[in-house]
Amino acid sequence: MADINSIAKQFTDFYYNTFDSNRAGLAPLYRDHSMLTFEGTPHQGVKTIIEKLTTLPFSKVQHKVTTLDVQPSSPTVASLLVSVTGLLLVDDSPNPLQYSQVFQLIPDGASYYVLNDIFRLNYG
């Protein structure tokens, strides 16, 4: 079995680099049965998820991952539960926003896809 920490790091590096440069480029990571819950609102399916991500009200964003935790999420399938916290720098604002995001990754051939994605800004 591949090192789950390395898989989670590779996935999050790819996900956030793609999100920050071309959100529409995230489409291959989702499937029609995938679900994104963004700030409490569910979005299901590739088209709906990508529509949400590409219409967020900012033009420039940079993710800075602070913590990354991963666990196997099934005893029979090599699926992963990935938890991320970090900072969002939006439209050159000097004040970063704190966020948390959880992904459930499902094996798909030699790669993974996102079955579940939960995103929240952390206020406090």
C-alpha atoms as a PDB file:
ATOM      1  CA  MET A   1       0.000   0.000   0.000  1.00  0.00           C
ATOM      2  CA  ALA A   2       1.298   3.422  -0.901  1.00  0.00           C
ATOM      3  CA  ASP A   3       2.096   5.826   1.900  1.00  0.00           C
ATOM      4  CA  ILE A   4      -1.213   7.567   2.646  1.00  0.00           C
ATOM      5  CA  ASN A   5       0.520  10.743   3.857  1.00  0.00           C
ATOM      6  CA  SER A   6       2.327  11.066   0.522  1.00  0.00           C
ATOM      7  CA  ILE A   7      -0.909  10.470  -1.391  1.00  0.00           C
ATOM      8  CA  ALA A   8      -2.732  13.107   0.670  1.00  0.00           C
ATOM      9  CA  LYS A   9       0.115  15.618   0.186  1.00  0.00           C
ATOM     10  CA  GLN A  10       0.254  15.020  -3.583  1.00  0.00           C
ATOM     11  CA  PHE A  11      -3.523  15.336  -3.831  1.00  0.00           C
ATOM     12  CA  THR A  12      -3.780  18.552  -1.803  1.00  0.00           C
ATOM     13  CA  ASP A  13      -0.807  20.140  -3.604  1.00  0.00           C
ATOM     14  CA  PHE A  14      -2.479  19.404  -6.954  1.00  0.00           C
ATOM     15  CA  TYR A  15      -5.956  20.418  -5.778  1.00  0.00           C
ATOM     16  CA  TYR A  16      -4.963  23.777  -4.298  1.00  0.00           C
ATOM     17  CA  ASN A  17      -2.498  24.693  -7.075  1.00  0.00           C
ATOM     18  CA  THR A  18      -5.239  23.973  -9.616  1.00  0.00           C
ATOM     19  CA  PHE A  19      -7.900  25.789  -7.569  1.00  0.00           C
ATOM     20  CA  ASP A  20      -5.653  28.855  -7.289  1.00  0.00           C
ATOM     21  CA  SER A  21      -4.847  28.990 -11.012  1.00  0.00           C
ATOM     22  CA  ASN A  22      -7.795  27.416 -12.896  1.00  0.00           C
ATOM     23  CA  ARG A  23     -10.790  26.253 -10.837  1.00  0.00           C
ATOM     24  CA  ALA A  24     -12.458  24.677 -13.893  1.00  0.00           C
ATOM     25  CA  GLY A  25      -9.427  22.356 -14.073  1.00  0.00           C
ATOM     26  CA  LEU A  26     -10.712  20.558 -10.956  1.00  0.00           C
ATOM     27  CA  ALA A  27     -13.539  18.878 -12.924  1.00  0.00           C
ATOM     28  CA  PRO A  28     -11.637  15.596 -13.520  1.00  0.00           C
ATOM     29  CA  LEU A  29     -11.336  15.113  -9.739  1.00  0.00           C
ATOM     30  CA  TYR A  30     -15.110  14.809  -9.280  1.00  0.00           C
ATOM     31  CA  ARG A  31     -17.787  12.399 -10.532  1.00  0.00           C
ATOM     32  CA  ASP A  32     -21.524  12.778 -11.093  1.00  0.00           C
ATOM     33  CA  HIS A  33     -22.192  11.222  -7.677  1.00  0.00           C
ATOM     34  CA  SER A  34     -19.613  13.427  -5.897  1.00  0.00           C
ATOM     35  CA  MET A  35     -20.852  15.967  -3.366  1.00  0.00           C
ATOM     36  CA  LEU A  36     -19.444  19.299  -2.238  1.00  0.00           C
ATOM     37  CA  THR A  37     -20.872  20.986   0.843  1.00  0.00           C
ATOM     38  CA  PHE A  38     -19.671  24.584   0.668  1.00  0.00           C
ATOM     39  CA  GLU A  39     -20.445  26.670   3.748  1.00  0.00           C
ATOM     40  CA  GLY A  40     -23.372  24.380   4.584  1.00  0.00           C
ATOM     41  CA  THR A  41     -24.898  24.267   1.079  1.00  0.00           C
ATOM     42  CA  PRO A  42     -24.738  20.929  -0.795  1.00  0.00           C
ATOM     43  CA  HIS A  43     -23.787  20.706  -4.482  1.00  0.00           C
ATOM     44  CA  GLN A  44     -23.889  17.325  -6.233  1.00  0.00           C
ATOM     45  CA  GLY A  45     -22.340  16.307  -9.545  1.00  0.00           C
ATOM     46  CA  VAL A  46     -19.381  17.570 -11.538  1.00  0.00           C
ATOM     47  CA  LYS A  47     -21.275  20.333 -13.347  1.00  0.00           C
ATOM     48  CA  THR A  48     -22.876  21.765 -10.206  1.00  0.00           C
ATOM     49  CA  ILE A  49     -19.660  21.566  -8.179  1.00  0.00           C
ATOM     50  CA  ILE A  50     -17.528  23.250 -10.833  1.00  0.00           C
ATOM     51  CA  GLU A  51     -20.213  25.897 -11.381  1.00  0.00           C
ATOM     52  CA  LYS A  52     -20.056  26.717  -7.648  1.00  0.00           C
ATOM     53  CA  LEU A  53     -16.258  26.826  -7.562  1.00  0.00           C
ATOM     54  CA  THR A  54     -15.883  28.938 -10.707  1.00  0.00           C
ATOM     55  CA  THR A  55     -18.479  31.522  -9.620  1.00  0.00           C
ATOM     56  CA  LEU A  56     -17.013  32.277  -6.203  1.00  0.00           C
ATOM     57  CA  PRO A  57     -16.815  36.072  -5.767  1.00  0.00           C
ATOM     58  CA  PHE A  58     -13.069  36.602  -6.066  1.00  0.00           C
ATOM     59  CA  SER A  59     -10.639  36.711  -8.946  1.00  0.00           C
ATOM     60  CA  LYS A  60      -7.415  35.838  -7.156  1.00  0.00           C
ATOM     61  CA  VAL A  61      -6.895  33.274  -4.385  1.00  0.00           C
ATOM     62  CA  GLN A  62      -4.004  31.471  -2.729  1.00  0.00           C
ATOM     63  CA  HIS A  63      -4.321  28.547  -0.309  1.00  0.00           C
ATOM     64  CA  LYS A  64      -1.708  28.049   2.398  1.00  0.00           C
ATOM     65  CA  VAL A  65      -2.097  24.650   4.057  1.00  0.00           C
ATOM     66  CA  THR A  66      -1.418  24.710   7.818  1.00  0.00           C
ATOM     67  CA  THR A  67      -2.334  21.149   8.788  1.00  0.00           C
ATOM     68  CA  LEU A  68      -2.905  17.981   6.790  1.00  0.00           C
ATOM     69  CA  ASP A  69      -4.218  14.782   8.387  1.00  0.00           C
ATOM     70  CA  VAL A  70      -5.168  11.563   6.626  1.00  0.00           C
ATOM     71  CA  GLN A  71      -6.721   8.233   7.595  1.00  0.00           C
ATOM     72  CA  PRO A  72      -7.831   5.153   5.675  1.00  0.00           C
ATOM     73  CA  SER A  73     -11.638   5.355   5.429  1.00  0.00           C
ATOM     74  CA  SER A  74     -12.532   1.742   4.617  1.00  0.00           C
ATOM     75  CA  PRO A  75     -11.221  -1.673   5.673  1.00  0.00           C
ATOM     76  CA  THR A  76     -11.913  -3.093   2.186  1.00  0.00           C
ATOM     77  CA  VAL A  77     -11.130  -0.240  -0.252  1.00  0.00           C
ATOM     78  CA  ALA A  78      -8.036   1.998  -0.311  1.00  0.00           C
ATOM     79  CA  SER A  79     -10.156   5.117   0.210  1.00  0.00           C
ATOM     80  CA  LEU A  80      -8.839   8.036   2.266  1.00  0.00           C
ATOM     81  CA  LEU A  81     -10.254  10.696   4.540  1.00  0.00           C
ATOM     82  CA  VAL A  82      -8.173  13.881   4.239  1.00  0.00           C
ATOM     83  CA  SER A  83      -8.592  16.820   6.633  1.00  0.00           C
ATOM     84  CA  VAL A  84      -6.994  20.190   5.843  1.00  0.00           C
ATOM     85  CA  THR A  85      -6.823  23.498   7.680  1.00  0.00           C
ATOM     86  CA  GLY A  86      -5.190  26.590   6.343  1.00  0.00           C
ATOM     87  CA  LEU A  87      -5.268  30.207   5.277  1.00  0.00           C
ATOM     88  CA  LEU A  88      -6.889  31.759   2.200  1.00  0.00           C
ATOM     89  CA  LEU A  89      -5.417  34.906   0.714  1.00  0.00           C
ATOM     90  CA  VAL A  90      -8.148  36.474  -1.424  1.00  0.00           C
ATOM     91  CA  ASP A  91      -7.784  39.322  -3.951  1.00  0.00           C
ATOM     92  CA  ASP A  92      -4.583  40.720  -2.393  1.00  0.00           C
ATOM     93  CA  SER A  93      -6.291  41.259   0.975  1.00  0.00           C
ATOM     94  CA  PRO A  94      -3.726  41.610   3.788  1.00  0.00           C
ATOM     95  CA  ASN A  95      -6.060  39.657   6.108  1.00  0.00           C
ATOM     96  CA  PRO A  96      -6.084  35.907   5.426  1.00  0.00           C
ATOM     97  CA  LEU A  97      -9.224  33.870   6.057  1.00  0.00           C
ATOM     98  CA  GLN A  98      -8.979  30.608   8.008  1.00  0.00           C
ATOM     99  CA  TYR A  99     -10.585  27.547   6.435  1.00  0.00           C
ATOM    100  CA  SER A 100     -11.060  23.835   6.970  1.00  0.00           C
ATOM    101  CA  GLN A 101     -11.751  21.271   4.270  1.00  0.00           C
ATOM    102  CA  VAL A 102     -12.348  17.525   4.343  1.00  0.00           C
ATOM    103  CA  PHE A 103     -12.081  15.227   1.318  1.00  0.00           C
ATOM    104  CA  GLN A 104     -13.044  11.584   0.972  1.00  0.00           C
ATOM    105  CA  LEU A 105     -10.884  10.164  -1.798  1.00  0.00           C
ATOM    106  CA  ILE A 106     -11.911   6.984  -3.618  1.00  0.00           C
ATOM    107  CA  PRO A 107      -9.437   4.920  -5.673  1.00  0.00           C
ATOM    108  CA  ASP A 108      -9.976   5.057  -9.422  1.00  0.00           C
ATOM    109  CA  GLY A 109      -7.399   3.018 -11.318  1.00  0.00           C
ATOM    110  CA  ALA A 110      -3.966   4.401 -10.437  1.00  0.00           C
ATOM    111  CA  SER A 111      -5.480   7.621  -9.083  1.00  0.00           C
ATOM    112  CA  TYR A 112      -8.257   8.907  -6.805  1.00  0.00           C
ATOM    113  CA  TYR A 113     -11.415  10.954  -7.210  1.00  0.00           C
ATOM    114  CA  VAL A 114     -13.272  13.133  -4.684  1.00  0.00           C
ATOM    115  CA  LEU A 115     -16.479  11.511  -3.472  1.00  0.00           C
ATOM    116  CA  ASN A 116     -17.083  13.997  -0.648  1.00  0.00           C
ATOM    117  CA  ASP A 117     -15.733  17.525  -0.156  1.00  0.00           C
ATOM    118  CA  ILE A 118     -16.735  19.702   2.817  1.00  0.00           C
ATOM    119  CA  PHE A 119     -15.487  23.299   2.981  1.00  0.00           C
ATOM    120  CA  ARG A 120     -15.940  25.865   5.782  1.00  0.00           C
ATOM    121  CA  LEU A 121     -14.482  29.232   6.588  1.00  0.00           C
ATOM    122  CA  ASN A 122     -13.544  29.394  10.265  1.00  0.00           C
ATOM    123  CA  TYR A 123     -14.630  32.590  11.986  1.00  0.00           C
ATOM    124  CA  GLY A 124     -13.694  33.493  15.496  1.00  0.00           C
END
